[in-house]
PDB file of all heavy atoms in Angstrom:
ATOM      1  N   ILE A   1       9.528   2.631 -10.330  1.00  0.00           N
ATOM      2  CA  ILE A   1       9.139   1.544  -9.428  1.00  0.00           C
ATOM      3  C   ILE A   1       8.836   0.282 -10.232  1.00  0.00           C
ATOM      4  O   ILE A   1       9.077  -0.826  -9.777  1.00  0.00           O
ATOM      5  CB  ILE A   1       7.915   1.935  -8.553  1.00  0.00           C
ATOM      6  CG1 ILE A   1       7.601   0.870  -7.510  1.00  0.00           C
ATOM      7  CG2 ILE A   1       6.684   2.168  -9.383  1.00  0.00           C
ATOM      8  CD1 ILE A   1       8.389   0.946  -6.277  1.00  0.00           C
ATOM      9  N   GLY A   2       8.374   0.451 -11.447  1.00  0.00           N
ATOM     10  CA  GLY A   2       8.048  -0.682 -12.304  1.00  0.00           C
ATOM     11  C   GLY A   2       9.248  -1.488 -12.742  1.00  0.00           C
ATOM     12  O   GLY A   2       9.097  -2.593 -13.253  1.00  0.00           O
ATOM     13  N   ASN A   3      10.455  -0.962 -12.528  1.00  0.00           N
ATOM     14  CA  ASN A   3      11.676  -1.684 -12.888  1.00  0.00           C
ATOM     15  C   ASN A   3      12.095  -2.691 -11.821  1.00  0.00           C
ATOM     16  O   ASN A   3      12.993  -3.494 -12.059  1.00  0.00           O
ATOM     17  CB  ASN A   3      12.831  -0.700 -13.116  1.00  0.00           C
ATOM     18  CG  ASN A   3      12.567   0.216 -14.291  1.00  0.00           C
ATOM     19  OD1 ASN A   3      11.801  -0.122 -15.194  1.00  0.00           O
ATOM     20  ND2 ASN A   3      13.186   1.365 -14.278  1.00  0.00           N
ATOM     21  N   LEU A   4      11.481  -2.659 -10.667  1.00  0.00           N
ATOM     22  CA  LEU A   4      11.861  -3.556  -9.570  1.00  0.00           C
ATOM     23  C   LEU A   4      11.101  -4.877  -9.675  1.00  0.00           C
ATOM     24  O   LEU A   4      10.378  -5.292  -8.775  1.00  0.00           O
ATOM     25  CB  LEU A   4      11.602  -2.869  -8.222  1.00  0.00           C
ATOM     26  CG  LEU A   4      12.295  -1.527  -8.019  1.00  0.00           C
ATOM     27  CD1 LEU A   4      11.947  -0.936  -6.664  1.00  0.00           C
ATOM     28  CD2 LEU A   4      13.805  -1.656  -8.171  1.00  0.00           C
ATOM     29  N   THR A   5      11.291  -5.539 -10.786  1.00  0.00           N
ATOM     30  CA  THR A   5      10.502  -6.736 -11.109  1.00  0.00           C
ATOM     31  C   THR A   5      10.843  -7.953 -10.262  1.00  0.00           C
ATOM     32  O   THR A   5      10.130  -8.951 -10.325  1.00  0.00           O
ATOM     33  CB  THR A   5      10.650  -7.081 -12.603  1.00  0.00           C
ATOM     34  OG1 THR A   5      12.035  -7.221 -12.907  1.00  0.00           O
ATOM     35  CG2 THR A   5      10.037  -5.976 -13.469  1.00  0.00           C
ATOM     36  N   SER A   6      11.896  -7.886  -9.455  1.00  0.00           N
ATOM     37  CA  SER A   6      12.224  -8.998  -8.562  1.00  0.00           C
ATOM     38  C   SER A   6      11.399  -8.979  -7.281  1.00  0.00           C
ATOM     39  O   SER A   6      11.419  -9.937  -6.517  1.00  0.00           O
ATOM     40  CB  SER A   6      13.715  -8.965  -8.190  1.00  0.00           C
ATOM     41  OG  SER A   6      14.507  -9.155  -9.327  1.00  0.00           O
ATOM     42  N   LEU A   7      10.690  -7.872  -7.036  1.00  0.00           N
ATOM     43  CA  LEU A   7       9.931  -7.753  -5.789  1.00  0.00           C
ATOM     44  C   LEU A   7       8.809  -8.773  -5.694  1.00  0.00           C
ATOM     45  O   LEU A   7       8.048  -8.968  -6.637  1.00  0.00           O
ATOM     46  CB  LEU A   7       9.324  -6.357  -5.656  1.00  0.00           C
ATOM     47  CG  LEU A   7      10.268  -5.218  -5.315  1.00  0.00           C
ATOM     48  CD1 LEU A   7       9.486  -3.909  -5.241  1.00  0.00           C
ATOM     49  CD2 LEU A   7      11.003  -5.461  -4.017  1.00  0.00           C
ATOM     50  N   THR A   8       8.727  -9.405  -4.530  1.00  0.00           N
ATOM     51  CA  THR A   8       7.583 -10.252  -4.208  1.00  0.00           C
ATOM     52  C   THR A   8       6.771  -9.624  -3.079  1.00  0.00           C
ATOM     53  O   THR A   8       5.588  -9.907  -2.949  1.00  0.00           O
ATOM     54  CB  THR A   8       8.014 -11.679  -3.808  1.00  0.00           C
ATOM     55  OG1 THR A   8       8.903 -11.598  -2.693  1.00  0.00           O
ATOM     56  CG2 THR A   8       8.699 -12.380  -4.974  1.00  0.00           C
ATOM     57  N   GLU A   9       7.416  -8.775  -2.261  1.00  0.00           N
ATOM     58  CA  GLU A   9       6.730  -8.083  -1.170  1.00  0.00           C
ATOM     59  C   GLU A   9       7.132  -6.618  -1.179  1.00  0.00           C
ATOM     60  O   GLU A   9       8.314  -6.292  -1.252  1.00  0.00           O
ATOM     61  CB  GLU A   9       7.081  -8.700   0.178  1.00  0.00           C
ATOM     62  CG  GLU A   9       6.622 -10.135   0.324  1.00  0.00           C
ATOM     63  CD  GLU A   9       6.948 -10.720   1.690  1.00  0.00           C
ATOM     64  OE1 GLU A   9       7.084  -9.950   2.658  1.00  0.00           O
ATOM     65  OE2 GLU A   9       7.071 -11.948   1.769  1.00  0.00           O
ATOM     66  N   LEU A  10       6.138  -5.739  -1.078  1.00  0.00           N
ATOM     67  CA  LEU A  10       6.375  -4.300  -1.051  1.00  0.00           C
ATOM     68  C   LEU A  10       5.460  -3.693   0.002  1.00  0.00           C
ATOM     69  O   LEU A  10       4.236  -3.795  -0.089  1.00  0.00           O
ATOM     70  CB  LEU A  10       6.088  -3.686  -2.423  1.00  0.00           C
ATOM     71  CG  LEU A  10       6.225  -2.177  -2.562  1.00  0.00           C
ATOM     72  CD1 LEU A  10       7.638  -1.708  -2.189  1.00  0.00           C
ATOM     73  CD2 LEU A  10       5.873  -1.747  -3.979  1.00  0.00           C
ATOM     74  N   ASP A  11       6.063  -3.088   1.019  1.00  0.00           N
ATOM     75  CA  ASP A  11       5.291  -2.468   2.093  1.00  0.00           C
ATOM     76  C   ASP A  11       5.452  -0.959   2.018  1.00  0.00           C
ATOM     77  O   ASP A  11       6.530  -0.421   2.265  1.00  0.00           O
ATOM     78  CB  ASP A  11       5.761  -2.983   3.454  1.00  0.00           C
ATOM     79  CG  ASP A  11       4.826  -2.580   4.589  1.00  0.00           C
ATOM     80  OD1 ASP A  11       4.022  -1.642   4.402  1.00  0.00           O
ATOM     81  OD2 ASP A  11       4.917  -3.199   5.662  1.00  0.00           O
ATOM     82  N   LEU A  12       4.381  -0.280   1.646  1.00  0.00           N
ATOM     83  CA  LEU A  12       4.348   1.182   1.536  1.00  0.00           C
ATOM     84  C   LEU A  12       3.375   1.780   2.548  1.00  0.00           C
ATOM     85  O   LEU A  12       2.974   2.928   2.429  1.00  0.00           O
ATOM     86  CB  LEU A  12       3.926   1.583   0.119  1.00  0.00           C
ATOM     87  CG  LEU A  12       4.882   1.173  -0.997  1.00  0.00           C
ATOM     88  CD1 LEU A  12       4.218   1.313  -2.350  1.00  0.00           C
ATOM     89  CD2 LEU A  12       6.153   2.001  -0.928  1.00  0.00           C
ATOM     90  N   SER A  13       2.996   1.017   3.544  1.00  0.00           N
ATOM     91  CA  SER A  13       2.007   1.491   4.507  1.00  0.00           C
ATOM     92  C   SER A  13       2.551   2.644   5.344  1.00  0.00           C
ATOM     93  O   SER A  13       3.759   2.810   5.514  1.00  0.00           O
ATOM     94  CB  SER A  13       1.540   0.344   5.406  1.00  0.00           C
ATOM     95  OG  SER A  13       2.621  -0.261   6.065  1.00  0.00           O
ATOM     96  N   SER A  14       1.623   3.455   5.822  1.00  0.00           N
ATOM     97  CA  SER A  14       1.929   4.595   6.695  1.00  0.00           C
ATOM     98  C   SER A  14       2.889   5.584   6.054  1.00  0.00           C
ATOM     99  O   SER A  14       3.906   5.977   6.637  1.00  0.00           O
ATOM    100  CB  SER A  14       2.465   4.116   8.048  1.00  0.00           C
ATOM    101  OG  SER A  14       1.514   3.318   8.706  1.00  0.00           O
ATOM    102  N   ASN A  15       2.565   5.965   4.827  1.00  0.00           N
ATOM    103  CA  ASN A  15       3.248   7.047   4.131  1.00  0.00           C
ATOM    104  C   ASN A  15       2.197   8.107   3.825  1.00  0.00           C
ATOM    105  O   ASN A  15       1.156   8.141   4.484  1.00  0.00           O
ATOM    106  CB  ASN A  15       3.923   6.530   2.851  1.00  0.00           C
ATOM    107  CG  ASN A  15       5.285   5.916   3.133  1.00  0.00           C
ATOM    108  OD1 ASN A  15       6.268   6.625   3.316  1.00  0.00           O
ATOM    109  ND2 ASN A  15       5.348   4.592   3.179  1.00  0.00           N
ATOM    110  N   GLN A  16       2.452   8.944   2.846  1.00  0.00           N
ATOM    111  CA  GLN A  16       1.500   9.983   2.469  1.00  0.00           C
ATOM    112  C   GLN A  16       1.172   9.900   0.985  1.00  0.00           C
ATOM    113  O   GLN A  16       0.960  10.906   0.320  1.00  0.00           O
ATOM    114  CB  GLN A  16       2.062  11.355   2.829  1.00  0.00           C
ATOM    115  CG  GLN A  16       2.284  11.516   4.314  1.00  0.00           C
ATOM    116  CD  GLN A  16       2.924  12.831   4.678  1.00  0.00           C
ATOM    117  OE1 GLN A  16       2.867  13.799   3.919  1.00  0.00           O
ATOM    118  NE2 GLN A  16       3.545  12.883   5.828  1.00  0.00           N
ATOM    119  N   LEU A  17       1.137   8.693   0.471  1.00  0.00           N
ATOM    120  CA  LEU A  17       0.870   8.495  -0.953  1.00  0.00           C
ATOM    121  C   LEU A  17      -0.573   8.865  -1.288  1.00  0.00           C
ATOM    122  O   LEU A  17      -1.501   8.496  -0.571  1.00  0.00           O
ATOM    123  CB  LEU A  17       1.119   7.036  -1.328  1.00  0.00           C
ATOM    124  CG  LEU A  17       2.557   6.536  -1.147  1.00  0.00           C
ATOM    125  CD1 LEU A  17       2.623   5.032  -1.363  1.00  0.00           C
ATOM    126  CD2 LEU A  17       3.503   7.259  -2.082  1.00  0.00           C
ATOM    127  N   THR A  18      -0.738   9.583  -2.393  1.00  0.00           N
ATOM    128  CA  THR A  18      -2.079   9.936  -2.860  1.00  0.00           C
ATOM    129  C   THR A  18      -2.448   9.187  -4.135  1.00  0.00           C
ATOM    130  O   THR A  18      -3.610   9.137  -4.504  1.00  0.00           O
ATOM    131  CB  THR A  18      -2.185  11.452  -3.117  1.00  0.00           C
ATOM    132  OG1 THR A  18      -1.183  11.830  -4.052  1.00  0.00           O
ATOM    133  CG2 THR A  18      -1.997  12.239  -1.821  1.00  0.00           C
ATOM    134  N   ALA A  19      -1.445   8.625  -4.812  1.00  0.00           N
ATOM    135  CA  ALA A  19      -1.682   7.878  -6.057  1.00  0.00           C
ATOM    136  C   ALA A  19      -0.532   6.902  -6.270  1.00  0.00           C
ATOM    137  O   ALA A  19       0.536   7.035  -5.673  1.00  0.00           O
ATOM    138  CB  ALA A  19      -1.773   8.838  -7.234  1.00  0.00           C
ATOM    139  N   LEU A  20      -0.781   5.926  -7.126  1.00  0.00           N
ATOM    140  CA  LEU A  20       0.264   4.979  -7.539  1.00  0.00           C
ATOM    141  C   LEU A  20       0.464   5.131  -9.040  1.00  0.00           C
ATOM    142  O   LEU A  20      -0.510   5.295  -9.786  1.00  0.00           O
ATOM    143  CB  LEU A  20      -0.154   3.541  -7.237  1.00  0.00           C
ATOM    144  CG  LEU A  20      -0.325   3.173  -5.767  1.00  0.00           C
ATOM    145  CD1 LEU A  20      -0.821   1.736  -5.649  1.00  0.00           C
ATOM    146  CD2 LEU A  20       0.975   3.351  -4.999  1.00  0.00           C
ATOM    147  N   PRO A  21       1.710   5.061  -9.503  1.00  0.00           N
ATOM    148  CA  PRO A  21       1.932   5.151 -10.948  1.00  0.00           C
ATOM    149  C   PRO A  21       1.450   3.880 -11.645  1.00  0.00           C
ATOM    150  O   PRO A  21       1.459   2.791 -11.055  1.00  0.00           O
ATOM    151  CB  PRO A  21       3.450   5.304 -11.058  1.00  0.00           C
ATOM    152  CG  PRO A  21       3.987   4.624  -9.843  1.00  0.00           C
ATOM    153  CD  PRO A  21       2.962   4.869  -8.767  1.00  0.00           C
ATOM    154  N   PRO A  22       1.027   3.985 -12.896  1.00  0.00           N
ATOM    155  CA  PRO A  22       0.572   2.793 -13.631  1.00  0.00           C
ATOM    156  C   PRO A  22       1.643   1.710 -13.712  1.00  0.00           C
ATOM    157  O   PRO A  22       1.325   0.528 -13.799  1.00  0.00           O
ATOM    158  CB  PRO A  22       0.236   3.320 -15.021  1.00  0.00           C
ATOM    159  CG  PRO A  22       0.149   4.790 -14.901  1.00  0.00           C
ATOM    160  CD  PRO A  22       0.911   5.194 -13.684  1.00  0.00           C
ATOM    161  N   GLU A  23       2.903   2.107 -13.642  1.00  0.00           N
ATOM    162  CA  GLU A  23       4.011   1.151 -13.742  1.00  0.00           C
ATOM    163  C   GLU A  23       4.035   0.149 -12.597  1.00  0.00           C
ATOM    164  O   GLU A  23       4.714  -0.870 -12.669  1.00  0.00           O
ATOM    165  CB  GLU A  23       5.355   1.901 -13.813  1.00  0.00           C
ATOM    166  CG  GLU A  23       5.567   2.670 -15.096  1.00  0.00           C
ATOM    167  CD  GLU A  23       4.863   4.026 -15.137  1.00  0.00           C
ATOM    168  OE1 GLU A  23       4.224   4.436 -14.140  1.00  0.00           O
ATOM    169  OE2 GLU A  23       4.936   4.682 -16.189  1.00  0.00           O
ATOM    170  N   ILE A  24       3.258   0.401 -11.553  1.00  0.00           N
ATOM    171  CA  ILE A  24       3.171  -0.564 -10.449  1.00  0.00           C
ATOM    172  C   ILE A  24       2.660  -1.908 -10.989  1.00  0.00           C
ATOM    173  O   ILE A  24       2.952  -2.963 -10.444  1.00  0.00           O
ATOM    174  CB  ILE A  24       2.276  -0.031  -9.304  1.00  0.00           C
ATOM    175  CG1 ILE A  24       2.533  -0.777  -8.006  1.00  0.00           C
ATOM    176  CG2 ILE A  24       0.819  -0.088  -9.651  1.00  0.00           C
ATOM    177  CD1 ILE A  24       3.550  -0.180  -7.126  1.00  0.00           C
ATOM    178  N   GLY A  25       1.949  -1.858 -12.099  1.00  0.00           N
ATOM    179  CA  GLY A  25       1.442  -3.075 -12.732  1.00  0.00           C
ATOM    180  C   GLY A  25       2.530  -3.958 -13.308  1.00  0.00           C
ATOM    181  O   GLY A  25       2.295  -5.130 -13.603  1.00  0.00           O
ATOM    182  N   ASN A  26       3.747  -3.426 -13.473  1.00  0.00           N
ATOM    183  CA  ASN A  26       4.869  -4.230 -13.963  1.00  0.00           C
ATOM    184  C   ASN A  26       5.397  -5.195 -12.909  1.00  0.00           C
ATOM    185  O   ASN A  26       6.169  -6.091 -13.225  1.00  0.00           O
ATOM    186  CB  ASN A  26       6.023  -3.327 -14.415  1.00  0.00           C
ATOM    187  CG  ASN A  26       5.665  -2.478 -15.605  1.00  0.00           C
ATOM    188  OD1 ASN A  26       4.661  -2.715 -16.273  1.00  0.00           O
ATOM    189  ND2 ASN A  26       6.469  -1.474 -15.873  1.00  0.00           N
ATOM    190  N   LEU A  27       4.985  -5.005 -11.674  1.00  0.00           N
ATOM    191  CA  LEU A  27       5.481  -5.850 -10.580  1.00  0.00           C
ATOM    192  C   LEU A  27       4.628  -7.109 -10.484  1.00  0.00           C
ATOM    193  O   LEU A  27       3.916  -7.349  -9.520  1.00  0.00           O
ATOM    194  CB  LEU A  27       5.468  -5.063  -9.259  1.00  0.00           C
ATOM    195  CG  LEU A  27       6.216  -3.739  -9.276  1.00  0.00           C
ATOM    196  CD1 LEU A  27       6.142  -3.058  -7.922  1.00  0.00           C
ATOM    197  CD2 LEU A  27       7.663  -3.923  -9.698  1.00  0.00           C
ATOM    198  N   THR A  28       4.718  -7.918 -11.507  1.00  0.00           N
ATOM    199  CA  THR A  28       3.851  -9.090 -11.626  1.00  0.00           C
ATOM    200  C   THR A  28       4.194 -10.204 -10.646  1.00  0.00           C
ATOM    201  O   THR A  28       3.390 -11.106 -10.434  1.00  0.00           O
ATOM    202  CB  THR A  28       3.893  -9.648 -13.056  1.00  0.00           C
ATOM    203  OG1 THR A  28       5.248  -9.956 -13.394  1.00  0.00           O
ATOM    204  CG2 THR A  28       3.338  -8.622 -14.051  1.00  0.00           C
ATOM    205  N   GLY A  29       5.367 -10.146 -10.020  1.00  0.00           N
ATOM    206  CA  GLY A  29       5.745 -11.166  -9.046  1.00  0.00           C
ATOM    207  C   GLY A  29       5.295 -10.860  -7.628  1.00  0.00           C
ATOM    208  O   GLY A  29       5.513 -11.664  -6.724  1.00  0.00           O
ATOM    209  N   LEU A  30       4.646  -9.698  -7.424  1.00  0.00           N
ATOM    210  CA  LEU A  30       4.215  -9.340  -6.071  1.00  0.00           C
ATOM    211  C   LEU A  30       3.195 -10.338  -5.540  1.00  0.00           C
ATOM    212  O   LEU A  30       2.226 -10.664  -6.205  1.00  0.00           O
ATOM    213  CB  LEU A  30       3.573  -7.950  -6.054  1.00  0.00           C
ATOM    214  CG  LEU A  30       4.467  -6.734  -6.019  1.00  0.00           C
ATOM    215  CD1 LEU A  30       3.623  -5.467  -5.937  1.00  0.00           C
ATOM    216  CD2 LEU A  30       5.465  -6.766  -4.884  1.00  0.00           C
ATOM    217  N   THR A  31       3.454 -10.788  -4.330  1.00  0.00           N
ATOM    218  CA  THR A  31       2.467 -11.614  -3.635  1.00  0.00           C
ATOM    219  C   THR A  31       1.872 -10.841  -2.469  1.00  0.00           C
ATOM    220  O   THR A  31       0.838 -11.225  -1.947  1.00  0.00           O
ATOM    221  CB  THR A  31       3.095 -12.924  -3.119  1.00  0.00           C
ATOM    222  OG1 THR A  31       4.191 -12.610  -2.267  1.00  0.00           O
ATOM    223  CG2 THR A  31       3.575 -13.789  -4.283  1.00  0.00           C
ATOM    224  N   GLU A  32       2.553  -9.751  -2.066  1.00  0.00           N
ATOM    225  CA  GLU A  32       2.058  -8.923  -0.970  1.00  0.00           C
ATOM    226  C   GLU A  32       2.356  -7.457  -1.268  1.00  0.00           C
ATOM    227  O   GLU A  32       3.494  -7.090  -1.554  1.00  0.00           O
ATOM    228  CB  GLU A  32       2.716  -9.327   0.341  1.00  0.00           C
ATOM    229  CG  GLU A  32       2.195  -8.586   1.533  1.00  0.00           C
ATOM    230  CD  GLU A  32       2.810  -9.063   2.837  1.00  0.00           C
ATOM    231  OE1 GLU A  32       3.101 -10.267   2.960  1.00  0.00           O
ATOM    232  OE2 GLU A  32       3.007  -8.224   3.721  1.00  0.00           O
ATOM    233  N   LEU A  33       1.322  -6.630  -1.193  1.00  0.00           N
ATOM    234  CA  LEU A  33       1.448  -5.192  -1.372  1.00  0.00           C
ATOM    235  C   LEU A  33       0.666  -4.529  -0.251  1.00  0.00           C
ATOM    236  O   LEU A  33      -0.558  -4.639  -0.191  1.00  0.00           O
ATOM    237  CB  LEU A  33       0.894  -4.756  -2.733  1.00  0.00           C
ATOM    238  CG  LEU A  33       0.862  -3.259  -3.022  1.00  0.00           C
ATOM    239  CD1 LEU A  33       2.257  -2.655  -2.971  1.00  0.00           C
ATOM    240  CD2 LEU A  33       0.207  -2.999  -4.370  1.00  0.00           C
ATOM    241  N   ALA A  34       1.369  -3.860   0.655  1.00  0.00           N
ATOM    242  CA  ALA A  34       0.730  -3.200   1.798  1.00  0.00           C
ATOM    243  C   ALA A  34       0.648  -1.701   1.531  1.00  0.00           C
ATOM    244  O   ALA A  34       1.661  -1.055   1.270  1.00  0.00           O
ATOM    245  CB  ALA A  34       1.527  -3.473   3.066  1.00  0.00           C
ATOM    246  N   LEU A  35      -0.561  -1.158   1.573  1.00  0.00           N
ATOM    247  CA  LEU A  35      -0.800   0.257   1.269  1.00  0.00           C
ATOM    248  C   LEU A  35      -1.616   0.971   2.343  1.00  0.00           C
ATOM    249  O   LEU A  35      -1.969   2.134   2.176  1.00  0.00           O
ATOM    250  CB  LEU A  35      -1.544   0.381  -0.069  1.00  0.00           C
ATOM    251  CG  LEU A  35      -0.790  -0.095  -1.300  1.00  0.00           C
ATOM    252  CD1 LEU A  35      -1.716  -0.179  -2.491  1.00  0.00           C
ATOM    253  CD2 LEU A  35       0.376   0.843  -1.583  1.00  0.00           C
ATOM    254  N   GLU A  36      -1.916   0.304   3.445  1.00  0.00           N
ATOM    255  CA  GLU A  36      -2.780   0.931   4.438  1.00  0.00           C
ATOM    256  C   GLU A  36      -2.146   2.200   5.027  1.00  0.00           C
ATOM    257  O   GLU A  36      -0.945   2.388   4.994  1.00  0.00           O
ATOM    258  CB  GLU A  36      -3.162  -0.048   5.559  1.00  0.00           C
ATOM    259  CG  GLU A  36      -2.006  -0.613   6.336  1.00  0.00           C
ATOM    260  CD  GLU A  36      -1.454  -1.913   5.754  1.00  0.00           C
ATOM    261  OE1 GLU A  36      -1.905  -2.401   4.729  1.00  0.00           O
ATOM    262  OE2 GLU A  36      -0.517  -2.419   6.351  1.00  0.00           O
ATOM    263  N   SER A  37      -2.995   3.065   5.536  1.00  0.00           N
ATOM    264  CA  SER A  37      -2.606   4.326   6.165  1.00  0.00           C
ATOM    265  C   SER A  37      -1.879   5.262   5.198  1.00  0.00           C
ATOM    266  O   SER A  37      -0.814   5.805   5.522  1.00  0.00           O
ATOM    267  CB  SER A  37      -1.773   4.086   7.421  1.00  0.00           C
ATOM    268  OG  SER A  37      -2.524   3.378   8.382  1.00  0.00           O
ATOM    269  N   ASN A  38      -2.431   5.409   4.007  1.00  0.00           N
ATOM    270  CA  ASN A  38      -2.002   6.402   3.031  1.00  0.00           C
ATOM    271  C   ASN A  38      -3.222   7.237   2.689  1.00  0.00           C
ATOM    272  O   ASN A  38      -4.291   7.054   3.258  1.00  0.00           O
ATOM    273  CB  ASN A  38      -1.438   5.709   1.772  1.00  0.00           C
ATOM    274  CG  ASN A  38       0.005   5.275   1.950  1.00  0.00           C
ATOM    275  OD1 ASN A  38       0.909   6.090   1.971  1.00  0.00           O
ATOM    276  ND2 ASN A  38       0.204   3.969   2.114  1.00  0.00           N
ATOM    277  N   GLN A  39      -3.077   8.157   1.767  1.00  0.00           N
ATOM    278  CA  GLN A  39      -4.203   8.983   1.336  1.00  0.00           C
ATOM    279  C   GLN A  39      -4.606   8.656  -0.101  1.00  0.00           C
ATOM    280  O   GLN A  39      -4.961   9.549  -0.874  1.00  0.00           O
ATOM    281  CB  GLN A  39      -3.855  10.471   1.458  1.00  0.00           C
ATOM    282  CG  GLN A  39      -3.857  10.979   2.887  1.00  0.00           C
ATOM    283  CD  GLN A  39      -2.449  11.061   3.450  1.00  0.00           C
ATOM    284  OE1 GLN A  39      -1.539  11.448   2.780  1.00  0.00           O
ATOM    285  NE2 GLN A  39      -2.311  10.682   4.701  1.00  0.00           N
ATOM    286  N   LEU A  40      -4.554   7.394  -0.461  1.00  0.00           N
ATOM    287  CA  LEU A  40      -4.905   6.976  -1.819  1.00  0.00           C
ATOM    288  C   LEU A  40      -6.390   7.206  -2.069  1.00  0.00           C
ATOM    289  O   LEU A  40      -7.236   6.856  -1.253  1.00  0.00           O
ATOM    290  CB  LEU A  40      -4.576   5.494  -2.012  1.00  0.00           C
ATOM    291  CG  LEU A  40      -3.097   5.140  -1.945  1.00  0.00           C
ATOM    292  CD1 LEU A  40      -2.914   3.637  -1.909  1.00  0.00           C
ATOM    293  CD2 LEU A  40      -2.346   5.738  -3.118  1.00  0.00           C
ATOM    294  N   THR A  41      -6.669   7.815  -3.213  1.00  0.00           N
ATOM    295  CA  THR A  41      -8.063   8.045  -3.575  1.00  0.00           C
ATOM    296  C   THR A  41      -8.507   7.136  -4.714  1.00  0.00           C
ATOM    297  O   THR A  41      -9.703   6.963  -4.933  1.00  0.00           O
ATOM    298  CB  THR A  41      -8.273   9.516  -3.990  1.00  0.00           C
ATOM    299  OG1 THR A  41      -7.376   9.832  -5.055  1.00  0.00           O
ATOM    300  CG2 THR A  41      -8.013  10.460  -2.813  1.00  0.00           C
ATOM    301  N   ALA A  42      -7.544   6.566  -5.424  1.00  0.00           N
ATOM    302  CA  ALA A  42      -7.858   5.639  -6.517  1.00  0.00           C
ATOM    303  C   ALA A  42      -6.622   4.786  -6.789  1.00  0.00           C
ATOM    304  O   ALA A  42      -5.510   5.165  -6.456  1.00  0.00           O
ATOM    305  CB  ALA A  42      -8.259   6.405  -7.767  1.00  0.00           C
ATOM    306  N   LEU A  43      -6.853   3.649  -7.389  1.00  0.00           N
ATOM    307  CA  LEU A  43      -5.761   2.768  -7.817  1.00  0.00           C
ATOM    308  C   LEU A  43      -5.749   2.700  -9.326  1.00  0.00           C
ATOM    309  O   LEU A  43      -6.809   2.717  -9.960  1.00  0.00           O
ATOM    310  CB  LEU A  43      -5.955   1.365  -7.226  1.00  0.00           C
ATOM    311  CG  LEU A  43      -5.886   1.270  -5.708  1.00  0.00           C
ATOM    312  CD1 LEU A  43      -6.215  -0.159  -5.266  1.00  0.00           C
ATOM    313  CD2 LEU A  43      -4.521   1.679  -5.191  1.00  0.00           C
ATOM    314  N   PRO A  44      -4.560   2.606  -9.918  1.00  0.00           N
ATOM    315  CA  PRO A  44      -4.520   2.486 -11.387  1.00  0.00           C
ATOM    316  C   PRO A  44      -5.110   1.136 -11.797  1.00  0.00           C
ATOM    317  O   PRO A  44      -5.053   0.165 -11.054  1.00  0.00           O
ATOM    318  CB  PRO A  44      -3.033   2.575 -11.713  1.00  0.00           C
ATOM    319  CG  PRO A  44      -2.325   2.201 -10.462  1.00  0.00           C
ATOM    320  CD  PRO A  44      -3.231   2.595  -9.334  1.00  0.00           C
TER     321      PRO A  44
END
């Protein structure tokens, strides 16, 4: 996921995610990240 460096918006809401990989930090161009309605217990 960290290779998608062109992303400015990423909507992952309403999935069953429990964690995010540290590589999510490579998405430095993101202006919007939607994560609601998942089972995340912590963020990297």
